Amino acid sequence: MSIINNINKVFDHRIRLGIMSVLMVNEKMDFTTLKELLGATDGNLASHTKALEKAEYILVEKRFIGKKPNTSYSATKLGQAAFKKHIDALEQLLKNT
């Protein structure tokens, strides 16, 4: 199997790549902090987290802190494995060029 087959299309956008990068080193991250870290708009971040959730790469937890809604995200085991495989493939691709 070629290296290119391990490149995951789900991670083909910098925002999704950023979300997963942050979640690989943090157990959980809330929407506002992710938005600030990645320089994304509300809508942009929402659509990318939705795509990662649909792929079952992240878990979304919605709750209230006091009377304020709070959404946080965490990477699933499947998401962690897929992201690692993706990064390994990118590294291999770079070594071969």
N, C-alpha and C. Protein backbone atom coordinates (compact mmCIF):
# COMPACT_ATOMS: atom_id res chain seq x y z
N MET A 1 0.85 -1.18 0.00
CA MET A 1 0.00 0.00 0.00
C MET A 1 0.89 1.24 0.00
N SER A 2 0.53 2.19 -0.82
CA SER A 2 1.36 3.40 -0.91
C SER A 2 1.07 4.34 0.26
N ILE A 3 2.04 5.20 0.53
CA ILE A 3 1.95 6.17 1.62
C ILE A 3 0.73 7.07 1.42
N ILE A 4 0.48 7.44 0.18
CA ILE A 4 -0.60 8.38 -0.12
C ILE A 4 -1.97 7.82 0.32
N ASN A 5 -2.10 6.50 0.37
CA ASN A 5 -3.35 5.88 0.83
C ASN A 5 -3.62 6.14 2.31
N ASN A 6 -2.57 6.45 3.06
CA ASN A 6 -2.74 6.73 4.49
C ASN A 6 -3.01 8.20 4.79
N ILE A 7 -3.00 9.04 3.75
CA ILE A 7 -3.35 10.44 3.91
C ILE A 7 -4.88 10.49 4.05
N ASN A 8 -5.36 11.04 5.15
CA ASN A 8 -6.78 11.03 5.46
C ASN A 8 -7.45 12.32 4.99
N LYS A 9 -8.42 12.19 4.10
CA LYS A 9 -9.12 13.36 3.55
C LYS A 9 -9.87 14.16 4.62
N VAL A 10 -10.24 13.53 5.72
CA VAL A 10 -10.95 14.24 6.78
C VAL A 10 -10.06 15.34 7.35
N PHE A 11 -8.74 15.14 7.31
CA PHE A 11 -7.81 16.12 7.87
C PHE A 11 -7.24 17.06 6.81
N ASP A 12 -7.92 17.20 5.68
CA ASP A 12 -7.37 17.99 4.57
C ASP A 12 -7.54 19.51 4.72
N HIS A 13 -8.08 19.96 5.82
CA HIS A 13 -8.24 21.39 6.04
C HIS A 13 -7.45 21.80 7.28
N ARG A 14 -6.83 22.96 7.24
CA ARG A 14 -5.97 23.38 8.35
C ARG A 14 -6.73 23.49 9.67
N ILE A 15 -8.01 23.83 9.63
CA ILE A 15 -8.79 23.95 10.87
C ILE A 15 -8.96 22.55 11.49
N ARG A 16 -9.29 21.57 10.68
CA ARG A 16 -9.46 20.20 11.21
C ARG A 16 -8.13 19.65 11.71
N LEU A 17 -7.09 19.93 10.98
CA LEU A 17 -5.75 19.52 11.39
C LEU A 17 -5.41 20.17 12.74
N GLY A 18 -5.75 21.44 12.86
CA GLY A 18 -5.51 22.17 14.10
C GLY A 18 -6.33 21.64 15.27
N ILE A 19 -7.60 21.36 15.02
CA ILE A 19 -8.47 20.82 16.06
C ILE A 19 -7.88 19.52 16.61
N MET A 20 -7.53 18.62 15.70
CA MET A 20 -6.99 17.34 16.13
C MET A 20 -5.63 17.50 16.81
N SER A 21 -4.80 18.41 16.33
CA SER A 21 -3.50 18.64 16.96
C SER A 21 -3.69 19.09 18.41
N VAL A 22 -4.62 20.02 18.62
CA VAL A 22 -4.89 20.52 19.96
C VAL A 22 -5.43 19.39 20.85
N LEU A 23 -6.35 18.58 20.30
CA LEU A 23 -6.97 17.53 21.10
C LEU A 23 -6.03 16.34 21.36
N MET A 24 -4.98 16.22 20.58
CA MET A 24 -4.02 15.14 20.83
C MET A 24 -3.18 15.44 22.08
N VAL A 25 -3.01 16.71 22.41
CA VAL A 25 -2.18 17.07 23.56
C VAL A 25 -2.99 17.63 24.74
N ASN A 26 -4.29 17.78 24.55
CA ASN A 26 -5.20 18.22 25.62
C ASN A 26 -6.36 17.24 25.69
N GLU A 27 -6.68 16.82 26.89
CA GLU A 27 -7.77 15.85 27.05
C GLU A 27 -9.09 16.41 26.53
N LYS A 28 -9.34 17.70 26.84
CA LYS A 28 -10.56 18.39 26.41
C LYS A 28 -10.23 19.82 26.06
N MET A 29 -11.05 20.40 25.21
CA MET A 29 -10.88 21.81 24.86
C MET A 29 -12.26 22.38 24.58
N ASP A 30 -12.52 23.59 25.10
CA ASP A 30 -13.83 24.18 24.86
C ASP A 30 -13.83 24.98 23.55
N PHE A 31 -15.03 25.24 23.07
CA PHE A 31 -15.24 25.90 21.78
C PHE A 31 -14.51 27.24 21.69
N THR A 32 -14.68 28.07 22.70
CA THR A 32 -14.10 29.42 22.67
C THR A 32 -12.58 29.38 22.61
N THR A 33 -11.97 28.52 23.42
CA THR A 33 -10.52 28.41 23.42
C THR A 33 -10.01 27.88 22.08
N LEU A 34 -10.68 26.86 21.55
CA LEU A 34 -10.31 26.32 20.23
C LEU A 34 -10.40 27.40 19.16
N LYS A 35 -11.49 28.15 19.20
CA LYS A 35 -11.71 29.22 18.22
C LYS A 35 -10.57 30.24 18.27
N GLU A 36 -10.19 30.63 19.48
CA GLU A 36 -9.10 31.61 19.63
C GLU A 36 -7.76 31.03 19.19
N LEU A 37 -7.48 29.80 19.59
CA LEU A 37 -6.20 29.16 19.23
C LEU A 37 -6.03 29.03 17.71
N LEU A 38 -7.14 28.71 17.02
CA LEU A 38 -7.07 28.44 15.59
C LEU A 38 -7.40 29.65 14.72
N GLY A 39 -7.84 30.73 15.34
CA GLY A 39 -8.20 31.92 14.58
C GLY A 39 -9.37 31.67 13.64
N ALA A 40 -10.33 30.90 14.12
CA ALA A 40 -11.49 30.53 13.29
C ALA A 40 -12.72 31.34 13.69
N THR A 41 -13.67 31.42 12.79
CA THR A 41 -14.96 32.04 13.12
C THR A 41 -15.84 30.97 13.77
N ASP A 42 -16.92 31.41 14.40
CA ASP A 42 -17.86 30.46 15.02
C ASP A 42 -18.36 29.43 14.01
N GLY A 43 -18.85 29.93 12.88
CA GLY A 43 -19.41 29.05 11.86
C GLY A 43 -18.39 28.10 11.26
N ASN A 44 -17.20 28.62 11.02
CA ASN A 44 -16.12 27.82 10.45
C ASN A 44 -15.75 26.68 11.40
N LEU A 45 -15.53 27.01 12.67
CA LEU A 45 -15.17 26.00 13.65
C LEU A 45 -16.30 24.99 13.82
N ALA A 46 -17.53 25.47 13.86
CA ALA A 46 -18.68 24.58 14.02
C ALA A 46 -18.77 23.57 12.88
N SER A 47 -18.56 24.02 11.65
CA SER A 47 -18.67 23.08 10.52
C SER A 47 -17.54 22.06 10.53
N HIS A 48 -16.35 22.47 10.94
CA HIS A 48 -15.23 21.52 10.97
C HIS A 48 -15.35 20.54 12.14
N THR A 49 -15.84 21.01 13.28
CA THR A 49 -16.04 20.06 14.39
C THR A 49 -17.15 19.07 14.05
N LYS A 50 -18.16 19.54 13.32
CA LYS A 50 -19.25 18.66 12.88
C LYS A 50 -18.71 17.54 11.97
N ALA A 51 -17.81 17.90 11.06
CA ALA A 51 -17.22 16.90 10.16
C ALA A 51 -16.40 15.87 10.94
N LEU A 52 -15.64 16.34 11.92
CA LEU A 52 -14.84 15.42 12.74
C LEU A 52 -15.73 14.55 13.62
N GLU A 53 -16.83 15.12 14.10
CA GLU A 53 -17.77 14.34 14.91
C GLU A 53 -18.45 13.28 14.05
N LYS A 54 -18.83 13.64 12.83
CA LYS A 54 -19.47 12.70 11.92
C LYS A 54 -18.55 11.51 11.61
N ALA A 55 -17.25 11.78 11.51
CA ALA A 55 -16.27 10.72 11.26
C ALA A 55 -15.96 9.93 12.54
N GLU A 56 -16.56 10.34 13.66
CA GLU A 56 -16.36 9.72 14.97
C GLU A 56 -14.93 9.88 15.48
N TYR A 57 -14.30 11.00 15.09
CA TYR A 57 -12.93 11.30 15.52
C TYR A 57 -12.90 12.17 16.78
N ILE A 58 -14.02 12.86 17.06
CA ILE A 58 -14.10 13.65 18.29
C ILE A 58 -15.45 13.41 18.96
N LEU A 59 -15.46 13.65 20.26
CA LEU A 59 -16.70 13.63 21.04
C LEU A 59 -17.05 15.06 21.37
N VAL A 60 -18.32 15.39 21.31
CA VAL A 60 -18.80 16.74 21.63
C VAL A 60 -19.63 16.64 22.89
N GLU A 61 -19.30 17.47 23.86
CA GLU A 61 -20.04 17.49 25.12
C GLU A 61 -20.62 18.89 25.32
N LYS A 62 -21.95 18.94 25.39
CA LYS A 62 -22.63 20.22 25.60
C LYS A 62 -23.22 20.23 27.00
N ARG A 63 -22.96 21.30 27.72
CA ARG A 63 -23.48 21.44 29.09
C ARG A 63 -23.61 22.91 29.43
N PHE A 64 -24.12 23.16 30.61
CA PHE A 64 -24.24 24.53 31.08
C PHE A 64 -23.30 24.73 32.26
N ILE A 65 -22.60 25.85 32.26
CA ILE A 65 -21.81 26.27 33.41
C ILE A 65 -22.53 27.51 33.93
N GLY A 66 -23.19 27.34 35.05
CA GLY A 66 -24.10 28.39 35.52
C GLY A 66 -25.26 28.43 34.53
N LYS A 67 -25.48 29.58 33.93
CA LYS A 67 -26.54 29.69 32.92
C LYS A 67 -25.98 29.79 31.51
N LYS A 68 -24.65 29.65 31.40
CA LYS A 68 -24.03 29.78 30.08
C LYS A 68 -23.78 28.41 29.45
N PRO A 69 -24.15 28.27 28.16
CA PRO A 69 -23.86 27.00 27.48
C PRO A 69 -22.35 26.86 27.26
N ASN A 70 -21.88 25.63 27.37
CA ASN A 70 -20.45 25.36 27.16
C ASN A 70 -20.33 24.09 26.34
N THR A 71 -19.58 24.16 25.25
CA THR A 71 -19.34 23.00 24.40
C THR A 71 -17.87 22.67 24.48
N SER A 72 -17.58 21.40 24.76
CA SER A 72 -16.18 20.99 24.78
C SER A 72 -16.00 19.77 23.89
N TYR A 73 -14.77 19.56 23.49
CA TYR A 73 -14.44 18.50 22.54
C TYR A 73 -13.30 17.66 23.09
N SER A 74 -13.31 16.39 22.73
CA SER A 74 -12.19 15.50 23.05
C SER A 74 -12.03 14.53 21.88
N ALA A 75 -10.80 14.07 21.68
CA ALA A 75 -10.52 13.12 20.60
C ALA A 75 -10.91 11.72 21.05
N THR A 76 -11.52 10.96 20.15
CA THR A 76 -11.84 9.56 20.44
C THR A 76 -10.59 8.71 20.17
N LYS A 77 -10.62 7.47 20.63
CA LYS A 77 -9.51 6.54 20.35
C LYS A 77 -9.36 6.38 18.83
N LEU A 78 -10.49 6.26 18.13
CA LEU A 78 -10.47 6.14 16.67
C LEU A 78 -9.84 7.38 16.04
N GLY A 79 -10.21 8.55 16.53
CA GLY A 79 -9.66 9.80 16.02
C GLY A 79 -8.17 9.92 16.27
N GLN A 80 -7.73 9.52 17.46
CA GLN A 80 -6.31 9.56 17.78
C GLN A 80 -5.51 8.64 16.86
N ALA A 81 -6.03 7.45 16.64
CA ALA A 81 -5.34 6.48 15.77
C ALA A 81 -5.30 6.98 14.32
N ALA A 82 -6.42 7.51 13.84
CA ALA A 82 -6.49 8.01 12.46
C ALA A 82 -5.55 9.20 12.27
N PHE A 83 -5.50 10.09 13.26
CA PHE A 83 -4.64 11.27 13.16
C PHE A 83 -3.17 10.86 13.17
N LYS A 84 -2.82 9.93 14.04
CA LYS A 84 -1.43 9.45 14.11
C LYS A 84 -1.02 8.82 12.77
N LYS A 85 -1.91 8.02 12.21
CA LYS A 85 -1.64 7.37 10.91
C LYS A 85 -1.44 8.44 9.83
N HIS A 86 -2.27 9.48 9.87
CA HIS A 86 -2.19 10.58 8.91
C HIS A 86 -0.85 11.32 9.03
N ILE A 87 -0.48 11.65 10.26
CA ILE A 87 0.78 12.37 10.50
C ILE A 87 1.97 11.50 10.10
N ASP A 88 1.92 10.21 10.44
CA ASP A 88 3.00 9.30 10.05
C ASP A 88 3.14 9.24 8.54
N ALA A 89 2.02 9.21 7.83
CA ALA A 89 2.04 9.18 6.36
C ALA A 89 2.63 10.47 5.79
N LEU A 90 2.27 11.61 6.38
CA LEU A 90 2.83 12.89 5.93
C LEU A 90 4.34 12.93 6.15
N GLU A 91 4.78 12.45 7.32
CA GLU A 91 6.21 12.42 7.61
C GLU A 91 6.95 11.51 6.63
N GLN A 92 6.37 10.37 6.34
CA GLN A 92 6.98 9.43 5.39
C GLN A 92 7.06 10.04 4.00
N LEU A 93 6.00 10.73 3.62
CA LEU A 93 5.96 11.39 2.33
C LEU A 93 7.07 12.45 2.21
N LEU A 94 7.26 13.20 3.29
CA LEU A 94 8.31 14.23 3.30
C LEU A 94 9.70 13.61 3.24
N LYS A 95 9.89 12.48 3.90
CA LYS A 95 11.18 11.80 3.88
C LYS A 95 11.52 11.30 2.48
N ASN A 96 10.50 10.91 1.75
CA ASN A 96 10.70 10.32 0.42
C ASN A 96 10.82 11.35 -0.69
N THR A 97 10.66 12.65 -0.37
CA THR A 97 10.75 13.66 -1.43
C THR A 97 12.07 14.39 -1.39
